[in-house]
Amino acid sequence: MNSSPKVSILIILTIILVITLISCAMAQPSSCNPSGKIEGIKPPPGKCKIGYQSECCKPGKSYTTYKCSPSISGKTKAVLTINSFQKGGDGGGKSECDNKYHSDNTPVVALSTGWFSGEKRCMQNITIYGNGRQTNAMVVDECDSTMGCDEVHDYQPPCDNNIVDASKAVWKALGVPKKQWGQLHIYCFSESRLQICKPSSKIKAKKPPNGNCNIEEDDICCIKDKIYTTYKCSPQVSSKTKAILTLNSFEKGGDGPSKCDNKYHSDDTHVVALSTGWYNGGGRCLRNITINGNGRSVNAMVVDECDSTMGCDEKHDYQPPCQNNLVIASQGVWRALRVPINEWGELDITWFDE
């Protein structure tokens, strides 16, 4: 009879231990397991573009594919690789996020499929730590971890699931000697982790009727059946709000009178349109913002919205919806920033409300 309490206590302690072990196991971060395998084939002659430490698929070799990437944290471990996002570069076609090419001198990256997260990190900045330094770069493309060894992927293997594929500008900013470019173990995190502006929807484009797509400067027409992401928000505004400066004409014959005042504005006037979230339902109409770029600053008045919520229809001249981080400026703004005319089109800037 005296041993019964001891036995009962032992049983209870055993149960508690088992529950604790199960709870600990359940609390572990979910692992990212391979999704499949593909077998390499011999690329047709001249069809595999290789750059720094990239390789062509080898016939008969088995390559692992992933639909996921490691969990994101304050210090996400990754491998930095190098790529060219320029036209004719080893990156292949235009970037998936904005259907554009990007100069090797611009700090941009592609992320493995899991981190790319179906374009949810498109046009967002990440901070990269490596070689004892840090730099910021914008996500513009996906490094496909799910497929490879085919024409679409230049007969290169699928990406690993922990890759940050960066332009030369990123490697230069980290101070890595050129002879060591290729692979570097880094940490990175998303700058938008504190306030995420998530896509609101997607739209599938139709082919614009002949002559109904009004394009200016670097504008593009919607591509039939292409899926475009829409946003009702923009990144958080601060004293140094990061954005992309683009070019537009606000004169008569352009896209129509400005939304704020129903007027046209000379190309020589310092005026801008803002992405929907920053436009704030007209809350910034006819207010000035300060733009910093190219080592200079200029003040400009908000007169219009660049619609991030809709596009690819008659109302929007069959052009895609705007990205959620754009400041679309007149020629007067570009001149004030002293940007050479042959470089007008896109410029990384910061801005703030006056």
Protein backbone atom coordinates (compact mmCIF):
# COMPACT_ATOMS: atom_id res chain seq x y z
CA MET A 1 0.00 0.00 0.00
CA ASN A 2 2.86 2.39 0.80
CA SER A 3 4.31 1.99 -2.73
CA SER A 4 1.14 3.12 -4.53
CA PRO A 5 1.70 6.88 -4.08
CA LYS A 6 5.27 6.51 -5.35
CA VAL A 7 4.07 4.61 -8.41
CA SER A 8 1.37 7.21 -9.06
CA ILE A 9 3.88 10.06 -8.80
CA LEU A 10 6.25 8.25 -11.18
CA ILE A 11 3.45 7.76 -13.71
CA ILE A 12 2.45 11.43 -13.48
CA LEU A 13 6.06 12.58 -13.94
CA THR A 14 6.44 10.27 -16.95
CA ILE A 15 3.27 11.70 -18.53
CA ILE A 16 4.49 15.27 -17.94
CA LEU A 17 7.86 14.44 -19.51
CA VAL A 18 6.21 12.91 -22.60
CA ILE A 19 3.91 15.93 -23.02
CA THR A 20 6.88 18.30 -22.67
CA LEU A 21 8.88 16.42 -25.30
CA ILE A 22 5.94 16.44 -27.71
CA SER A 23 5.38 20.17 -27.14
CA CYS A 24 9.05 20.94 -27.78
CA ALA A 25 8.99 18.92 -30.97
CA MET A 26 5.89 20.74 -32.17
CA ALA A 27 7.50 24.09 -31.38
CA GLN A 28 10.43 23.48 -33.71
CA PRO A 29 10.38 25.52 -36.94
CA SER A 30 8.88 23.65 -39.85
CA SER A 31 11.51 22.20 -42.14
CA CYS A 32 11.69 22.81 -45.86
CA ASN A 33 11.76 19.44 -47.56
CA PRO A 34 12.57 18.81 -51.24
CA SER A 35 9.56 18.75 -53.55
CA GLY A 36 11.05 16.51 -56.23
CA LYS A 37 13.93 15.68 -58.54
CA ILE A 38 14.67 16.46 -62.18
CA GLU A 39 17.21 14.80 -64.44
CA GLY A 40 19.61 16.99 -66.35
CA ILE A 41 19.84 16.92 -70.13
CA LYS A 42 22.59 18.07 -72.45
CA PRO A 43 21.93 21.69 -73.49
CA PRO A 44 21.74 22.39 -77.23
CA PRO A 45 24.90 24.13 -78.52
CA GLY A 46 25.06 27.78 -77.41
CA LYS A 47 21.85 27.58 -75.37
CA CYS A 48 23.32 27.67 -71.85
CA LYS A 49 24.44 31.12 -70.65
CA ILE A 50 26.89 30.90 -67.77
CA GLY A 51 28.27 33.69 -65.62
CA TYR A 52 30.17 33.76 -62.32
CA GLN A 53 30.27 30.17 -61.00
CA SER A 54 26.98 29.29 -62.72
CA GLU A 55 26.83 25.94 -64.50
CA CYS A 56 24.97 24.13 -67.23
CA CYS A 57 22.91 21.04 -66.46
CA LYS A 58 24.81 17.78 -66.83
CA PRO A 59 23.18 14.89 -68.71
CA GLY A 60 21.88 12.21 -66.35
CA LYS A 61 22.63 14.17 -63.17
CA SER A 62 19.77 14.37 -60.65
CA TYR A 63 18.87 17.83 -59.33
CA THR A 64 16.74 18.51 -56.23
CA THR A 65 13.81 20.94 -56.45
CA TYR A 66 12.04 22.93 -53.71
CA LYS A 67 8.76 24.82 -53.39
CA CYS A 68 9.83 26.33 -50.06
CA SER A 69 12.74 28.15 -48.43
CA PRO A 70 14.03 28.25 -44.82
CA SER A 71 11.97 30.26 -42.33
CA ILE A 72 12.49 34.04 -42.31
CA SER A 73 13.99 35.50 -39.14
CA GLY A 74 15.82 38.60 -37.98
CA LYS A 75 18.99 36.99 -39.35
CA THR A 76 18.08 34.69 -42.20
CA LYS A 77 21.08 32.66 -43.37
CA ALA A 78 21.51 32.61 -47.13
CA VAL A 79 24.03 32.22 -49.93
CA LEU A 80 24.73 35.29 -52.05
CA THR A 81 25.35 34.58 -55.73
CA ILE A 82 25.89 36.93 -58.66
CA ASN A 83 23.76 37.63 -61.71
CA SER A 84 23.28 40.24 -64.40
CA PHE A 85 19.80 41.70 -64.74
CA GLN A 86 20.79 43.80 -67.77
CA LYS A 87 19.55 43.17 -71.29
CA GLY A 88 21.76 40.47 -72.78
CA GLY A 89 23.05 39.46 -69.34
CA ASP A 90 23.24 35.92 -68.02
CA GLY A 91 19.96 36.48 -66.15
CA GLY A 92 17.97 35.81 -69.31
CA GLY A 93 14.77 37.80 -69.83
CA LYS A 94 13.25 40.77 -68.04
CA SER A 95 12.70 40.68 -64.29
CA GLU A 96 9.51 38.96 -63.17
CA CYS A 97 8.38 41.70 -60.79
CA ASP A 98 8.27 44.63 -63.20
CA ASN A 99 8.95 43.14 -66.65
CA LYS A 100 12.05 45.34 -66.98
CA TYR A 101 15.82 45.04 -67.18
CA HIS A 102 18.02 46.55 -64.46
CA SER A 103 21.53 47.95 -64.72
CA ASP A 104 24.42 46.06 -63.13
CA ASN A 105 25.00 49.28 -61.17
CA THR A 106 21.60 49.03 -59.47
CA PRO A 107 21.38 47.02 -56.21
CA VAL A 108 18.74 44.43 -57.10
CA VAL A 109 18.28 40.75 -56.26
CA ALA A 110 16.35 37.61 -57.13
CA LEU A 111 15.19 35.31 -54.32
CA SER A 112 14.70 31.55 -54.20
CA THR A 113 11.10 30.51 -54.88
CA GLY A 114 10.03 30.14 -51.24
CA TRP A 115 11.34 33.55 -50.22
CA PHE A 116 10.03 35.15 -53.44
CA SER A 117 6.64 34.00 -52.13
CA GLY A 118 4.64 34.31 -55.33
CA GLU A 119 5.74 37.94 -55.94
CA LYS A 120 4.76 39.04 -52.41
CA ARG A 121 8.26 40.47 -51.90
CA CYS A 122 8.33 42.17 -55.30
CA MET A 123 9.83 45.67 -55.23
CA GLN A 124 10.48 45.40 -51.47
CA ASN A 125 13.91 46.12 -50.03
CA ILE A 126 15.97 43.62 -48.08
CA THR A 127 19.06 44.32 -45.98
CA ILE A 128 22.05 42.08 -46.67
CA TYR A 129 24.91 41.50 -44.20
CA GLY A 130 28.16 40.03 -45.50
CA ASN A 131 31.92 40.54 -45.56
CA GLY A 132 31.61 42.71 -42.43
CA ARG A 133 29.35 45.21 -44.21
CA GLN A 134 25.69 45.71 -45.02
CA THR A 135 23.70 47.04 -47.97
CA ASN A 136 20.11 47.30 -49.14
CA ALA A 137 18.75 45.82 -52.36
CA MET A 138 15.37 45.61 -54.05
CA VAL A 139 13.71 42.30 -54.96
CA VAL A 140 12.93 42.25 -58.69
CA ASP A 141 12.99 38.59 -59.69
CA GLU A 142 12.69 34.94 -58.70
CA CYS A 143 15.47 32.36 -58.67
CA ASP A 144 13.39 29.31 -59.56
CA SER A 145 13.89 26.42 -57.13
CA THR A 146 11.07 24.35 -58.64
CA MET A 147 12.29 23.86 -62.22
CA GLY A 148 15.42 23.94 -64.36
CA CYS A 149 17.46 22.23 -67.09
CA ASP A 150 15.12 23.47 -69.83
CA GLU A 151 14.97 26.27 -72.39
CA VAL A 152 13.04 28.62 -70.06
CA HIS A 153 15.86 28.37 -67.49
CA ASP A 154 18.74 28.54 -70.00
CA TYR A 155 19.48 24.86 -69.30
CA GLN A 156 20.82 25.73 -65.85
CA PRO A 157 19.96 23.69 -62.72
CA PRO A 158 17.16 24.75 -60.36
CA CYS A 159 18.23 27.24 -57.70
CA ASP A 160 18.94 26.08 -54.19
CA ASN A 161 16.24 27.14 -51.73
CA ASN A 162 18.46 29.61 -49.84
CA ILE A 163 19.75 31.87 -52.62
CA VAL A 164 19.93 35.66 -52.84
CA ASP A 165 21.02 36.22 -56.45
CA ALA A 166 22.48 39.73 -56.60
CA SER A 167 23.65 42.31 -59.12
CA LYS A 168 27.26 43.47 -59.27
CA ALA A 169 26.27 46.64 -57.38
CA VAL A 170 25.45 44.55 -54.29
CA TRP A 171 28.82 42.79 -54.36
CA LYS A 172 30.59 46.13 -54.76
CA ALA A 173 28.63 47.65 -51.86
CA LEU A 174 29.71 44.75 -49.62
CA GLY A 175 33.34 45.44 -50.54
CA VAL A 176 34.01 41.91 -51.82
CA PRO A 177 37.13 41.78 -54.06
CA LYS A 178 36.10 41.04 -57.64
CA LYS A 179 38.20 37.88 -57.82
CA GLN A 180 36.09 36.49 -54.94
CA TRP A 181 32.71 37.19 -56.54
CA GLY A 182 30.53 34.12 -56.95
CA GLN A 183 29.30 32.80 -53.61
CA LEU A 184 29.23 34.34 -50.14
CA HIS A 185 27.53 33.26 -46.92
CA ILE A 186 25.34 36.12 -45.71
CA TYR A 187 22.49 37.11 -43.41
CA CYS A 188 19.51 39.02 -44.70
CA PHE A 189 16.10 40.25 -43.60
CA SER A 190 13.15 42.03 -45.16
CA GLU A 191 13.00 45.75 -44.37
CA SER A 192 9.22 45.57 -44.56
CA ARG A 193 8.97 43.00 -41.76
CA LEU A 194 7.59 45.63 -39.35
CA GLN A 195 4.82 46.78 -41.68
CA ILE A 196 4.06 44.60 -44.67
CA CYS A 197 2.09 45.98 -47.59
CA LYS A 198 0.54 42.87 -49.06
CA PRO A 199 -0.93 42.60 -52.56
CA SER A 200 -4.66 43.20 -52.69
CA SER A 201 -5.41 41.16 -55.80
CA LYS A 202 -4.28 40.10 -59.26
CA ILE A 203 -5.62 40.90 -62.71
CA LYS A 204 -5.25 38.94 -65.93
CA ALA A 205 -4.48 41.15 -68.90
CA LYS A 206 -6.29 41.16 -72.21
CA LYS A 207 -4.71 42.17 -75.50
CA PRO A 208 -5.12 45.95 -75.97
CA PRO A 209 -7.21 46.97 -79.01
CA ASN A 210 -5.08 48.28 -81.85
CA GLY A 211 -3.90 51.84 -81.17
CA ASN A 212 -5.52 51.97 -77.72
CA CYS A 213 -2.39 51.70 -75.58
CA ASN A 214 -0.97 55.18 -75.03
CA ILE A 215 2.69 54.72 -74.08
CA GLU A 216 5.21 57.40 -73.16
CA GLU A 217 8.81 57.29 -71.98
CA ASP A 218 9.35 53.79 -70.44
CA ASP A 219 5.64 52.85 -70.32
CA ILE A 220 4.58 49.39 -71.45
CA CYS A 221 1.30 47.93 -72.68
CA CYS A 222 -0.35 45.05 -70.86
CA ILE A 223 0.68 41.65 -72.19
CA LYS A 224 -2.15 39.26 -73.00
CA ASP A 225 -2.77 36.62 -70.27
CA LYS A 226 0.00 38.00 -68.04
CA ILE A 227 -0.96 38.23 -64.37
CA TYR A 228 -0.38 41.62 -62.72
CA THR A 229 -0.33 42.25 -58.97
CA THR A 230 -2.41 45.09 -57.52
CA TYR A 231 -2.01 47.00 -54.23
CA LYS A 232 -4.21 49.23 -52.10
CA CYS A 233 -1.25 50.19 -49.91
CA SER A 234 2.32 51.47 -50.17
CA PRO A 235 5.37 51.09 -47.89
CA GLN A 236 5.35 53.10 -44.68
CA VAL A 237 6.27 56.77 -45.07
CA SER A 238 9.27 57.98 -43.06
CA SER A 239 11.85 60.76 -43.16
CA LYS A 240 13.64 58.70 -45.82
CA THR A 241 10.94 56.84 -47.72
CA LYS A 242 12.53 54.65 -50.37
CA ALA A 243 10.93 54.81 -53.80
CA ILE A 244 11.53 54.54 -57.53
CA LEU A 245 11.39 57.75 -59.54
CA THR A 246 9.90 57.35 -63.02
CA LEU A 247 9.08 59.81 -65.78
CA ASN A 248 5.76 61.11 -67.11
CA SER A 249 4.29 64.07 -68.96
CA PHE A 250 1.48 65.96 -67.26
CA GLU A 251 0.91 68.23 -70.28
CA LYS A 252 -2.14 68.14 -72.55
CA GLY A 253 -1.84 65.18 -74.88
CA GLY A 254 -0.47 62.99 -72.09
CA ASP A 255 -2.62 60.83 -69.82
CA GLY A 256 -5.30 63.45 -69.17
CA PRO A 257 -5.74 66.25 -66.61
CA SER A 258 -4.31 65.63 -63.15
CA LYS A 259 -6.62 64.09 -60.57
CA CYS A 260 -5.95 66.64 -57.81
CA ASP A 261 -6.88 69.82 -59.68
CA ASN A 262 -8.29 68.62 -63.03
CA LYS A 263 -5.56 70.61 -64.80
CA TYR A 264 -2.61 69.98 -67.08
CA HIS A 265 0.91 70.91 -65.97
CA SER A 266 3.92 71.95 -68.02
CA ASP A 267 6.83 69.51 -68.32
CA ASP A 268 8.97 72.28 -66.82
CA THR A 269 6.91 72.35 -63.60
CA HIS A 270 8.01 70.28 -60.60
CA VAL A 271 5.01 67.96 -60.21
CA VAL A 272 4.57 64.27 -59.37
CA ALA A 273 2.05 61.45 -59.12
CA LEU A 274 2.23 58.94 -56.25
CA SER A 275 1.30 55.26 -56.01
CA THR A 276 -2.19 54.70 -54.58
CA GLY A 277 -1.14 54.07 -50.97
CA TRP A 278 1.00 57.20 -50.79
CA TYR A 279 -1.59 59.25 -52.71
CA ASN A 280 -3.81 58.44 -49.73
CA GLY A 281 -7.17 59.13 -51.35
CA GLY A 282 -6.10 62.65 -52.28
CA GLY A 283 -4.70 63.36 -48.81
CA ARG A 284 -1.41 64.55 -50.32
CA CYS A 285 -3.02 66.52 -53.17
CA LEU A 286 -1.27 69.83 -53.95
CA ARG A 287 1.17 69.28 -51.08
CA ASN A 288 4.93 69.40 -51.60
CA ILE A 289 7.32 66.53 -51.03
CA THR A 290 11.12 66.64 -50.98
CA ILE A 291 12.88 64.18 -53.30
CA ASN A 292 16.50 63.12 -52.74
CA GLY A 293 18.34 61.44 -55.60
CA ASN A 294 21.52 61.57 -57.65
CA GLY A 295 23.19 63.43 -54.77
CA ARG A 296 20.71 66.31 -54.99
CA SER A 297 17.26 67.27 -53.70
CA VAL A 298 14.22 68.98 -55.19
CA ASN A 299 10.72 69.91 -54.06
CA ALA A 300 7.71 68.84 -56.11
CA MET A 301 3.94 69.12 -55.78
CA VAL A 302 1.65 66.08 -55.75
CA VAL A 303 -0.98 66.50 -58.48
CA ASP A 304 -2.00 62.98 -59.45
CA GLU A 305 -2.29 59.30 -58.53
CA CYS A 306 -0.49 56.38 -60.14
CA ASP A 307 -3.15 53.71 -59.75
CA SER A 308 -1.82 50.55 -58.06
CA THR A 309 -5.28 48.99 -57.74
CA MET A 310 -6.35 48.68 -61.38
CA GLY A 311 -4.96 48.56 -64.91
CA CYS A 312 -5.03 46.85 -68.31
CA ASP A 313 -8.33 48.51 -69.25
CA GLU A 314 -9.48 51.45 -71.36
CA LYS A 315 -9.46 53.84 -68.39
CA HIS A 316 -5.77 53.10 -67.78
CA ASP A 317 -4.75 53.15 -71.46
CA TYR A 318 -4.28 49.36 -71.29
CA GLN A 319 -1.16 49.83 -69.17
CA PRO A 320 -0.39 47.63 -66.12
CA PRO A 321 -1.24 48.77 -62.59
CA CYS A 322 1.47 50.89 -60.98
CA GLN A 323 3.89 49.39 -58.51
CA ASN A 324 3.21 50.46 -54.94
CA ASN A 325 6.46 52.42 -54.49
CA LEU A 326 6.51 54.91 -57.38
CA VAL A 327 7.01 58.66 -57.57
CA ILE A 328 6.18 59.58 -61.17
CA ALA A 329 7.81 62.90 -61.99
CA SER A 330 7.79 65.56 -64.68
CA GLN A 331 10.84 66.38 -66.77
CA GLY A 332 11.36 69.42 -64.53
CA VAL A 333 12.07 67.16 -61.55
CA TRP A 334 14.57 65.05 -63.47
CA ARG A 335 16.37 68.18 -64.67
CA ALA A 336 16.51 69.59 -61.13
CA LEU A 337 18.18 66.36 -59.96
CA ARG A 338 20.75 66.82 -62.76
CA VAL A 339 20.19 63.34 -64.16
CA PRO A 340 21.60 63.08 -67.73
CA ILE A 341 18.76 62.83 -70.27
CA ASN A 342 20.01 59.49 -71.58
CA GLU A 343 19.57 58.07 -68.04
CA TRP A 344 15.99 59.27 -67.52
CA GLY A 345 13.51 56.50 -66.79
CA GLU A 346 14.14 54.97 -63.37
CA LEU A 347 16.09 56.19 -60.35
CA ASP A 348 16.28 54.96 -56.75
CA ILE A 349 15.34 57.86 -54.48
CA THR A 350 14.10 58.75 -51.02
CA TRP A 351 11.37 61.27 -50.27
CA PHE A 352 9.49 62.82 -47.36
CA ASP A 353 6.55 65.14 -46.72
CA GLU A 354 7.41 68.81 -46.28
